[in-house]
Protein backbone atom coordinates (compact mmCIF):
# COMPACT_ATOMS: atom_id res chain seq x y z
CA MET A 1 73.96 -102.13 27.64
CA ILE A 2 77.77 -102.93 27.19
CA LEU A 3 77.19 -103.15 23.37
CA GLU A 4 75.50 -99.59 23.42
CA GLN A 5 78.40 -98.18 25.36
CA LYS A 6 80.99 -99.74 22.87
CA VAL A 7 79.03 -98.26 19.81
CA ALA A 8 79.00 -94.82 21.42
CA GLN A 9 82.75 -95.00 22.02
CA GLN A 10 83.18 -95.67 18.39
CA ASP A 11 80.86 -93.11 17.37
CA ASN A 12 83.08 -90.47 19.40
CA LEU A 13 86.11 -91.76 17.79
CA ILE A 14 85.22 -90.98 14.29
CA GLN A 15 86.76 -87.60 13.02
CA ARG A 16 84.06 -85.43 11.38
CA MET A 17 84.03 -82.47 9.00
CA LYS A 18 81.78 -79.60 9.73
CA THR A 19 79.47 -78.76 6.72
CA GLY A 20 79.21 -75.07 7.39
CA ILE A 21 75.42 -75.30 7.14
CA THR A 22 73.57 -74.37 10.35
CA GLY A 23 71.59 -77.21 11.76
CA LEU A 24 72.95 -80.05 9.61
CA ASP A 25 76.07 -80.90 11.63
CA THR A 26 73.72 -81.41 14.72
CA ILE A 27 71.79 -84.24 12.85
CA LEU A 28 75.04 -85.66 11.78
CA GLN A 29 76.84 -86.04 15.13
CA GLY A 30 78.88 -83.29 14.39
CA GLY A 31 79.49 -83.54 10.64
CA ILE A 32 80.44 -85.72 7.61
CA PRO A 33 82.89 -88.37 8.64
CA GLN A 34 86.42 -87.51 7.47
CA GLN A 35 87.88 -89.09 4.37
CA SER A 36 84.39 -90.09 3.12
CA ILE A 37 82.46 -89.28 -0.13
CA THR A 38 78.98 -87.68 0.04
CA LEU A 39 76.47 -87.54 -2.73
CA VAL A 40 74.39 -84.52 -2.79
CA SER A 41 71.57 -84.81 -5.32
CA GLY A 42 68.60 -82.87 -6.46
CA PRO A 43 66.70 -81.09 -9.13
CA PRO A 44 67.85 -77.85 -10.90
CA GLY A 45 67.72 -74.99 -8.62
CA SER A 46 67.60 -77.06 -5.48
CA GLY A 47 70.70 -75.50 -3.86
CA LYS A 48 73.49 -78.17 -4.84
CA SER A 49 76.13 -75.82 -5.74
CA ILE A 50 75.20 -73.51 -2.81
CA PHE A 51 75.69 -76.71 -0.41
CA CYS A 52 79.17 -77.14 -1.98
CA PHE A 53 80.17 -73.45 -1.41
CA GLN A 54 79.26 -73.68 2.23
CA PHE A 55 81.11 -76.96 2.57
CA LEU A 56 84.29 -75.55 1.11
CA TYR A 57 84.07 -72.26 2.86
CA GLN A 58 83.77 -73.98 6.25
CA GLY A 59 87.12 -75.89 5.34
CA LEU A 60 88.92 -72.53 4.61
CA LYS A 61 87.69 -71.14 8.07
CA GLU A 62 89.42 -74.03 9.69
CA ASN A 63 92.61 -73.50 7.69
CA GLU A 64 92.17 -76.38 5.23
CA LYS A 65 93.03 -76.34 1.48
CA VAL A 66 89.94 -76.97 -0.80
CA LEU A 67 89.35 -77.76 -4.36
CA TYR A 68 86.12 -77.04 -6.44
CA LEU A 69 86.09 -79.22 -9.75
CA THR A 70 83.40 -78.11 -12.05
CA LEU A 71 81.79 -79.63 -15.18
CA ASP A 72 78.73 -77.52 -15.62
CA LYS A 73 79.77 -73.88 -15.13
CA LYS A 74 82.77 -71.78 -15.82
CA GLU A 75 84.98 -71.06 -12.67
CA ASP A 76 84.18 -67.09 -12.70
CA GLY A 77 80.40 -67.66 -12.83
CA LEU A 78 80.55 -70.09 -9.73
CA ILE A 79 82.77 -67.74 -7.77
CA LEU A 80 80.49 -64.78 -8.56
CA GLN A 81 77.37 -66.83 -7.67
CA ALA A 82 79.06 -67.53 -4.19
CA LYS A 83 80.05 -63.97 -3.89
CA LYS A 84 76.44 -62.87 -4.12
CA LEU A 85 75.43 -65.26 -1.26
CA GLY A 86 78.24 -63.46 1.01
CA ILE A 87 80.81 -66.27 0.43
CA ASP A 88 83.75 -64.73 -0.97
CA PHE A 89 86.64 -67.33 -2.21
CA GLN A 90 88.79 -64.62 -4.14
CA GLU A 91 91.16 -63.84 -1.39
CA SER A 92 91.78 -67.55 -0.64
CA ILE A 93 92.25 -68.37 -4.28
CA GLU A 94 94.89 -65.62 -4.46
CA LYS A 95 96.71 -67.27 -1.59
CA GLY A 96 96.56 -70.71 -3.03
CA GLU A 97 94.13 -71.97 -0.31
CA ALA A 98 91.35 -72.64 -2.64
CA LYS A 99 91.11 -73.59 -6.31
CA PHE A 100 88.19 -73.56 -8.64
CA ARG A 101 88.86 -75.71 -11.93
CA TYR A 102 86.62 -76.23 -15.09
CA LEU A 103 86.87 -79.37 -16.66
CA ASN A 104 85.94 -79.67 -20.26
CA ILE A 105 83.84 -82.85 -20.79
CA ASN A 106 84.63 -82.66 -24.47
CA LYS A 107 88.45 -83.35 -23.96
CA LYS A 108 89.64 -86.86 -24.08
CA LEU A 109 91.94 -86.31 -21.46
CA VAL A 110 89.34 -85.08 -18.92
CA TYR A 111 89.78 -88.18 -16.63
CA GLU A 112 93.65 -87.59 -16.55
CA ALA A 113 93.19 -83.79 -15.81
CA MET A 114 90.57 -84.56 -12.98
CA SER A 115 92.84 -87.16 -11.38
CA ASN A 116 96.05 -85.21 -11.59
CA GLU A 117 94.15 -82.19 -9.87
CA ILE A 118 92.63 -84.31 -7.10
CA LEU A 119 95.85 -86.17 -6.19
CA SER A 120 98.42 -83.23 -6.54
CA GLY A 121 97.12 -80.72 -4.31
CA GLN A 122 96.79 -82.38 -0.85
CA TYR A 123 93.36 -81.02 -0.60
CA GLN A 124 91.40 -81.75 2.84
CA ARG A 125 88.14 -81.01 0.93
CA ILE A 126 87.16 -81.68 -2.69
CA VAL A 127 83.84 -80.95 -4.53
CA LEU A 128 82.97 -82.41 -7.70
CA ASP A 129 80.05 -80.73 -9.40
CA SER A 130 78.50 -82.57 -11.12
CA ILE A 131 79.35 -86.18 -11.51
CA THR A 132 76.46 -86.62 -14.09
CA PRO A 133 78.32 -85.51 -17.34
CA LEU A 134 81.23 -87.96 -16.28
CA SER A 135 79.05 -90.76 -15.78
CA GLU A 136 77.27 -90.50 -19.04
CA MET A 137 80.55 -90.29 -21.17
CA PRO A 138 81.01 -93.26 -23.61
CA MET A 139 83.84 -95.73 -23.01
CA PHE A 140 85.50 -98.50 -24.76
CA ILE A 141 87.74 -101.31 -23.47
CA GLY A 142 91.09 -101.90 -25.40
CA ASN A 143 93.52 -104.74 -24.81
CA MET A 144 93.28 -107.06 -21.99
CA GLU A 145 96.68 -107.51 -20.53
CA ASN A 146 97.37 -110.16 -17.53
CA GLY A 147 93.75 -110.03 -16.86
CA ASN A 148 93.40 -106.31 -16.53
CA ALA A 149 91.23 -104.44 -18.82
CA ASP A 150 92.65 -101.03 -20.42
CA TYR A 151 89.87 -98.60 -20.40
CA SER A 152 90.04 -95.85 -23.01
CA PHE A 153 87.57 -92.70 -22.77
CA VAL A 154 86.51 -90.94 -25.84
CA ASP A 155 84.69 -87.81 -26.50
CA SER A 156 82.57 -88.80 -29.59
CA GLU A 157 80.00 -91.37 -30.35
CA GLU A 158 82.49 -93.25 -32.72
CA ASN A 159 83.75 -96.55 -31.60
CA THR A 160 81.74 -96.64 -28.34
CA PRO A 161 79.66 -99.62 -27.60
CA SER A 162 77.11 -98.35 -25.05
CA THR A 163 76.75 -96.05 -22.02
CA SER A 164 74.91 -98.76 -20.00
CA GLY A 165 74.86 -99.49 -16.55
CA PRO A 166 78.01 -101.55 -16.29
CA ILE A 167 79.86 -98.75 -18.26
CA ARG A 168 78.54 -96.06 -16.03
CA ARG A 169 79.55 -97.96 -13.01
CA ARG A 170 83.08 -98.25 -14.28
CA HIS A 171 83.12 -94.45 -14.85
CA LEU A 172 81.83 -93.96 -11.30
CA LEU A 173 84.30 -96.40 -9.76
CA PHE A 174 87.12 -94.59 -11.58
CA ILE A 175 86.00 -91.23 -10.11
CA MET A 176 85.41 -92.69 -6.54
CA ASN A 177 88.83 -94.45 -6.48
CA ALA A 178 90.53 -91.03 -7.32
CA LEU A 179 88.77 -89.39 -4.48
CA GLU A 180 89.40 -92.02 -2.02
CA SER A 181 93.24 -92.09 -3.05
CA SER A 182 93.53 -88.51 -2.29
CA GLY A 183 92.55 -89.00 1.47
CA SER A 184 90.24 -85.98 1.27
CA THR A 185 86.55 -85.42 2.37
CA ALA A 186 84.69 -85.01 -0.99
CA ILE A 187 81.24 -84.07 -1.96
CA ILE A 188 79.87 -85.14 -5.37
CA THR A 189 76.73 -83.63 -7.04
CA SER A 190 74.08 -85.30 -9.23
CA GLU A 191 71.28 -83.98 -11.20
CA LEU A 192 67.88 -85.57 -9.93
CA PRO A 193 65.03 -85.51 -12.16
CA MET A 194 61.76 -84.58 -10.58
CA GLY A 195 59.84 -87.54 -9.29
CA SER A 196 62.56 -89.96 -9.83
CA THR A 197 62.72 -92.95 -7.47
CA ASN A 198 66.47 -93.11 -7.58
CA LEU A 199 68.70 -90.88 -5.34
CA SER A 200 70.95 -89.81 -8.46
CA ARG A 201 70.47 -89.41 -12.26
CA ASP A 202 72.52 -92.55 -12.84
CA GLY A 203 71.04 -94.64 -10.16
CA ILE A 204 74.28 -95.92 -9.25
CA SER A 205 76.11 -93.22 -7.37
CA GLU A 206 74.01 -93.59 -4.24
CA PHE A 207 75.34 -97.20 -3.74
CA LEU A 208 78.92 -96.26 -3.93
CA ALA A 209 79.02 -93.02 -1.98
CA ASP A 210 79.50 -93.11 1.82
CA GLY A 211 76.70 -90.74 2.33
CA VAL A 212 73.65 -89.37 0.26
CA ILE A 213 71.97 -86.14 0.93
CA THR A 214 69.10 -84.86 -1.20
CA LEU A 215 67.69 -81.44 -1.88
CA ASN A 216 64.32 -80.84 -3.12
CA PHE A 217 61.57 -78.27 -3.23
CA ASP A 218 57.76 -77.98 -3.29
CA PRO A 219 56.84 -74.99 -5.64
CA THR A 220 53.25 -75.29 -4.82
CA MET A 221 53.95 -74.66 -1.09
CA ASP A 222 56.93 -72.63 -1.53
CA ARG A 223 59.08 -75.12 0.61
CA ARG A 224 62.59 -76.67 0.32
CA LYS A 225 63.69 -79.90 2.06
CA LEU A 226 67.08 -81.53 2.83
CA SER A 227 66.97 -85.48 3.48
CA VAL A 228 70.06 -87.51 4.97
CA MET A 229 69.23 -90.68 3.19
CA LYS A 230 72.52 -92.44 4.01
CA MET A 231 75.76 -91.63 6.08
CA ARG A 232 78.34 -93.94 6.93
CA ASN A 233 78.85 -94.53 10.74
CA THR A 234 76.45 -91.92 11.66
CA LYS A 235 73.21 -92.02 13.47
CA HIS A 236 70.75 -89.85 11.79
CA THR A 237 67.06 -89.04 10.93
CA LEU A 238 65.54 -89.87 7.58
CA LYS A 239 62.96 -87.30 8.25
CA PRO A 240 63.09 -84.45 5.59
CA GLN A 241 64.20 -81.08 7.03
CA GLU A 242 62.93 -77.96 5.81
CA ILE A 243 65.49 -75.42 4.87
CA GLN A 244 65.81 -71.97 3.47
CA ILE A 245 68.29 -70.33 1.01
CA THR A 246 69.18 -66.71 1.96
CA SER A 247 72.08 -64.49 2.11
CA GLY A 248 74.83 -66.68 3.43
CA GLY A 249 73.31 -70.01 2.00
CA ILE A 250 71.34 -72.95 3.13
CA THR A 251 70.09 -73.21 6.85
CA LEU A 252 67.93 -75.76 8.34
CA GLN A 253 64.76 -74.56 10.12
């Protein structure tokens, strides 16, 4: 009994960020733990970007500064997509409260650009959509000095040994470390092939992230599902939740 009371007290001390998704915060004891990294994964069309829109828009409602880093779509397309759902970022962008930035994966300095953006803005909420292209970039290891590897990233297949599991893990650790250093609460997305037994395309992100939320759908039954597979310091159900995507975004049924 005493142990249960202490656990309950610790749970109450954890600061949380509301997701902006109706019904989700209830099963997350109030929201995502502050200064955590949550992986949101799912197949194409499952609502990953919409989840991110709602998360950032909730931050703007709470007078927070937010950042959306995109590797798959240009900024204008994402802003228009959000507006069609009734989520209008334009005014916040003009005021400097929100920033959307496209990162070109074909540029050698993509990691430097990403890190500088993450660390320079004092953002309370950050979205990286998606982590998949970054995790699949080739890498080669340069000189070793004082026992530390000098990692170099390249944008072609020349002079690259592999994009194996250990290489992908180094990529992901680089990204996670940058997000953790920012002190923000972050959402990263990953593509998830239909029928995959992993929780991300790379099969590694789910082990490094503090939380994992999967989105999925059954076209034969015309149903969509959201599952909280993992969330640090949070009691939650593993039961898939039925969701709908309508004007305004995702809602739990």
